[in-house]
Amino acid sequence: MKCVFIFESIHRVMKAEKLLKGKGVKIGLIPVPREISSDCGVAIELSGDLEPMALSILGENKISIAECYMRDIKGRFEKKKEV
């Protein structure tokens, strides 16, 4: 499974990207999937097993995530209840 983090601004995406990559977390930048939002934008995608570490790093650095989704192997997205 993959995890997709949605942020409130491109500025936060870039800040989170720099921070997570600096800590060695393997992430990718992707366009926000149409299934999630019709807004144009960029999201962070990472392996589901890295989600707890990434959330911890972002939390420690006060970078908030607007929404978090899990993507299954068939490409379906499920919103997580809490971030």
C-alpha atoms as a PDB file:
ATOM      1  CA  MET A   1       0.000   0.000   0.000  1.00  0.00           C
ATOM      2  CA  LYS A   2       1.000   3.569  -0.617  1.00  0.00           C
ATOM      3  CA  CYS A   3       0.275   6.561   1.563  1.00  0.00           C
ATOM      4  CA  VAL A   4      -0.564   9.983   0.097  1.00  0.00           C
ATOM      5  CA  PHE A   5      -0.243  13.168   2.144  1.00  0.00           C
ATOM      6  CA  ILE A   6      -2.235  16.236   1.064  1.00  0.00           C
ATOM      7  CA  PHE A   7      -1.134  19.647   2.336  1.00  0.00           C
ATOM      8  CA  GLU A   8      -2.851  23.040   2.467  1.00  0.00           C
ATOM      9  CA  SER A   9      -0.244  24.760   0.285  1.00  0.00           C
ATOM     10  CA  ILE A  10       2.600  24.046  -2.101  1.00  0.00           C
ATOM     11  CA  HIS A  11       4.873  25.787   0.413  1.00  0.00           C
ATOM     12  CA  ARG A  12       4.092  23.114   3.021  1.00  0.00           C
ATOM     13  CA  VAL A  13       4.594  20.338   0.469  1.00  0.00           C
ATOM     14  CA  MET A  14       8.066  21.652  -0.368  1.00  0.00           C
ATOM     15  CA  LYS A  15       8.969  22.120   3.299  1.00  0.00           C
ATOM     16  CA  ALA A  16       7.792  18.575   4.115  1.00  0.00           C
ATOM     17  CA  GLU A  17       9.657  17.148   1.111  1.00  0.00           C
ATOM     18  CA  LYS A  18      12.937  18.772   2.146  1.00  0.00           C
ATOM     19  CA  LEU A  19      12.549  17.677   5.753  1.00  0.00           C
ATOM     20  CA  LEU A  20      11.584  14.055   5.012  1.00  0.00           C
ATOM     21  CA  LYS A  21      14.286  13.578   2.364  1.00  0.00           C
ATOM     22  CA  GLY A  22      16.802  15.129   4.752  1.00  0.00           C
ATOM     23  CA  LYS A  23      15.877  12.457   7.314  1.00  0.00           C
ATOM     24  CA  GLY A  24      16.292   9.695   4.718  1.00  0.00           C
ATOM     25  CA  VAL A  25      12.586   8.971   4.173  1.00  0.00           C
ATOM     26  CA  LYS A  26      12.022   7.809   0.600  1.00  0.00           C
ATOM     27  CA  ILE A  27       9.159   9.882  -0.849  1.00  0.00           C
ATOM     28  CA  GLY A  28       7.903  11.069  -4.199  1.00  0.00           C
ATOM     29  CA  LEU A  29       6.005  14.123  -5.357  1.00  0.00           C
ATOM     30  CA  ILE A  30       2.878  13.373  -7.382  1.00  0.00           C
ATOM     31  CA  PRO A  31      -0.007  15.419  -8.743  1.00  0.00           C
ATOM     32  CA  VAL A  32      -2.973  15.327  -6.362  1.00  0.00           C
ATOM     33  CA  PRO A  33      -5.051  12.410  -7.722  1.00  0.00           C
ATOM     34  CA  ARG A  34      -8.381  13.384  -9.301  1.00  0.00           C
ATOM     35  CA  GLU A  35     -10.093  10.749  -7.137  1.00  0.00           C
ATOM     36  CA  ILE A  36      -9.099  12.790  -4.083  1.00  0.00           C
ATOM     37  CA  SER A  37      -9.565  16.382  -5.253  1.00  0.00           C
ATOM     38  CA  SER A  38     -10.299  18.323  -8.413  1.00  0.00           C
ATOM     39  CA  ASP A  39      -7.852  21.008  -7.254  1.00  0.00           C
ATOM     40  CA  CYS A  40      -4.538  21.136  -9.031  1.00  0.00           C
ATOM     41  CA  GLY A  41      -1.688  20.585  -6.680  1.00  0.00           C
ATOM     42  CA  VAL A  42       1.120  18.369  -5.504  1.00  0.00           C
ATOM     43  CA  ALA A  43       1.034  15.616  -2.896  1.00  0.00           C
ATOM     44  CA  ILE A  44       3.641  13.464  -1.206  1.00  0.00           C
ATOM     45  CA  GLU A  45       3.491   9.715  -1.771  1.00  0.00           C
ATOM     46  CA  LEU A  46       5.391   7.163   0.279  1.00  0.00           C
ATOM     47  CA  SER A  47       5.273   3.527   1.224  1.00  0.00           C
ATOM     48  CA  GLY A  48       2.602   2.745   3.803  1.00  0.00           C
ATOM     49  CA  ASP A  49       5.164   1.254   6.162  1.00  0.00           C
ATOM     50  CA  LEU A  50       6.977   4.624   6.304  1.00  0.00           C
ATOM     51  CA  GLU A  51       3.834   6.544   7.293  1.00  0.00           C
ATOM     52  CA  PRO A  52       4.343   6.408  11.109  1.00  0.00           C
ATOM     53  CA  MET A  53       7.944   7.651  10.837  1.00  0.00           C
ATOM     54  CA  ALA A  54       6.974  10.410   8.378  1.00  0.00           C
ATOM     55  CA  LEU A  55       4.060  11.557  10.545  1.00  0.00           C
ATOM     56  CA  SER A  56       6.334  11.653  13.580  1.00  0.00           C
ATOM     57  CA  ILE A  57       8.975  13.744  11.776  1.00  0.00           C
ATOM     58  CA  LEU A  58       6.393  16.157  10.406  1.00  0.00           C
ATOM     59  CA  GLY A  59       4.670  16.436  13.792  1.00  0.00           C
ATOM     60  CA  GLU A  60       7.936  17.167  15.598  1.00  0.00           C
ATOM     61  CA  ASN A  61       8.539  19.979  13.099  1.00  0.00           C
ATOM     62  CA  LYS A  62       4.972  21.339  13.292  1.00  0.00           C
ATOM     63  CA  ILE A  63       4.159  20.671   9.635  1.00  0.00           C
ATOM     64  CA  SER A  64       0.487  19.797   9.439  1.00  0.00           C
ATOM     65  CA  ILE A  65      -1.066  17.471   6.897  1.00  0.00           C
ATOM     66  CA  ALA A  66      -4.519  18.413   5.615  1.00  0.00           C
ATOM     67  CA  GLU A  67      -5.500  14.847   4.647  1.00  0.00           C
ATOM     68  CA  CYS A  68      -3.974  11.397   4.443  1.00  0.00           C
ATOM     69  CA  TYR A  69      -5.076   8.625   2.082  1.00  0.00           C
ATOM     70  CA  MET A  70      -4.058   5.029   1.630  1.00  0.00           C
ATOM     71  CA  ARG A  71      -3.902   3.688  -1.944  1.00  0.00           C
ATOM     72  CA  ASP A  72      -4.334  -0.044  -2.457  1.00  0.00           C
ATOM     73  CA  ILE A  73      -2.743  -2.124  -5.198  1.00  0.00           C
ATOM     74  CA  LYS A  74      -5.792  -1.553  -7.421  1.00  0.00           C
ATOM     75  CA  GLY A  75      -5.316   2.225  -7.184  1.00  0.00           C
ATOM     76  CA  ARG A  76      -8.322   2.913  -4.945  1.00  0.00           C
ATOM     77  CA  PHE A  77      -7.974   5.599  -2.292  1.00  0.00           C
ATOM     78  CA  GLU A  78      -9.299   5.435   1.248  1.00  0.00           C
ATOM     79  CA  LYS A  79      -9.161   8.486   3.496  1.00  0.00           C
ATOM     80  CA  LYS A  80      -7.688   7.863   6.928  1.00  0.00           C
ATOM     81  CA  LYS A  81      -9.924   8.973   9.760  1.00  0.00           C
ATOM     82  CA  GLU A  82      -7.225  10.847  11.661  1.00  0.00           C
ATOM     83  CA  VAL A  83      -3.869  12.281  10.710  1.00  0.00           C
END
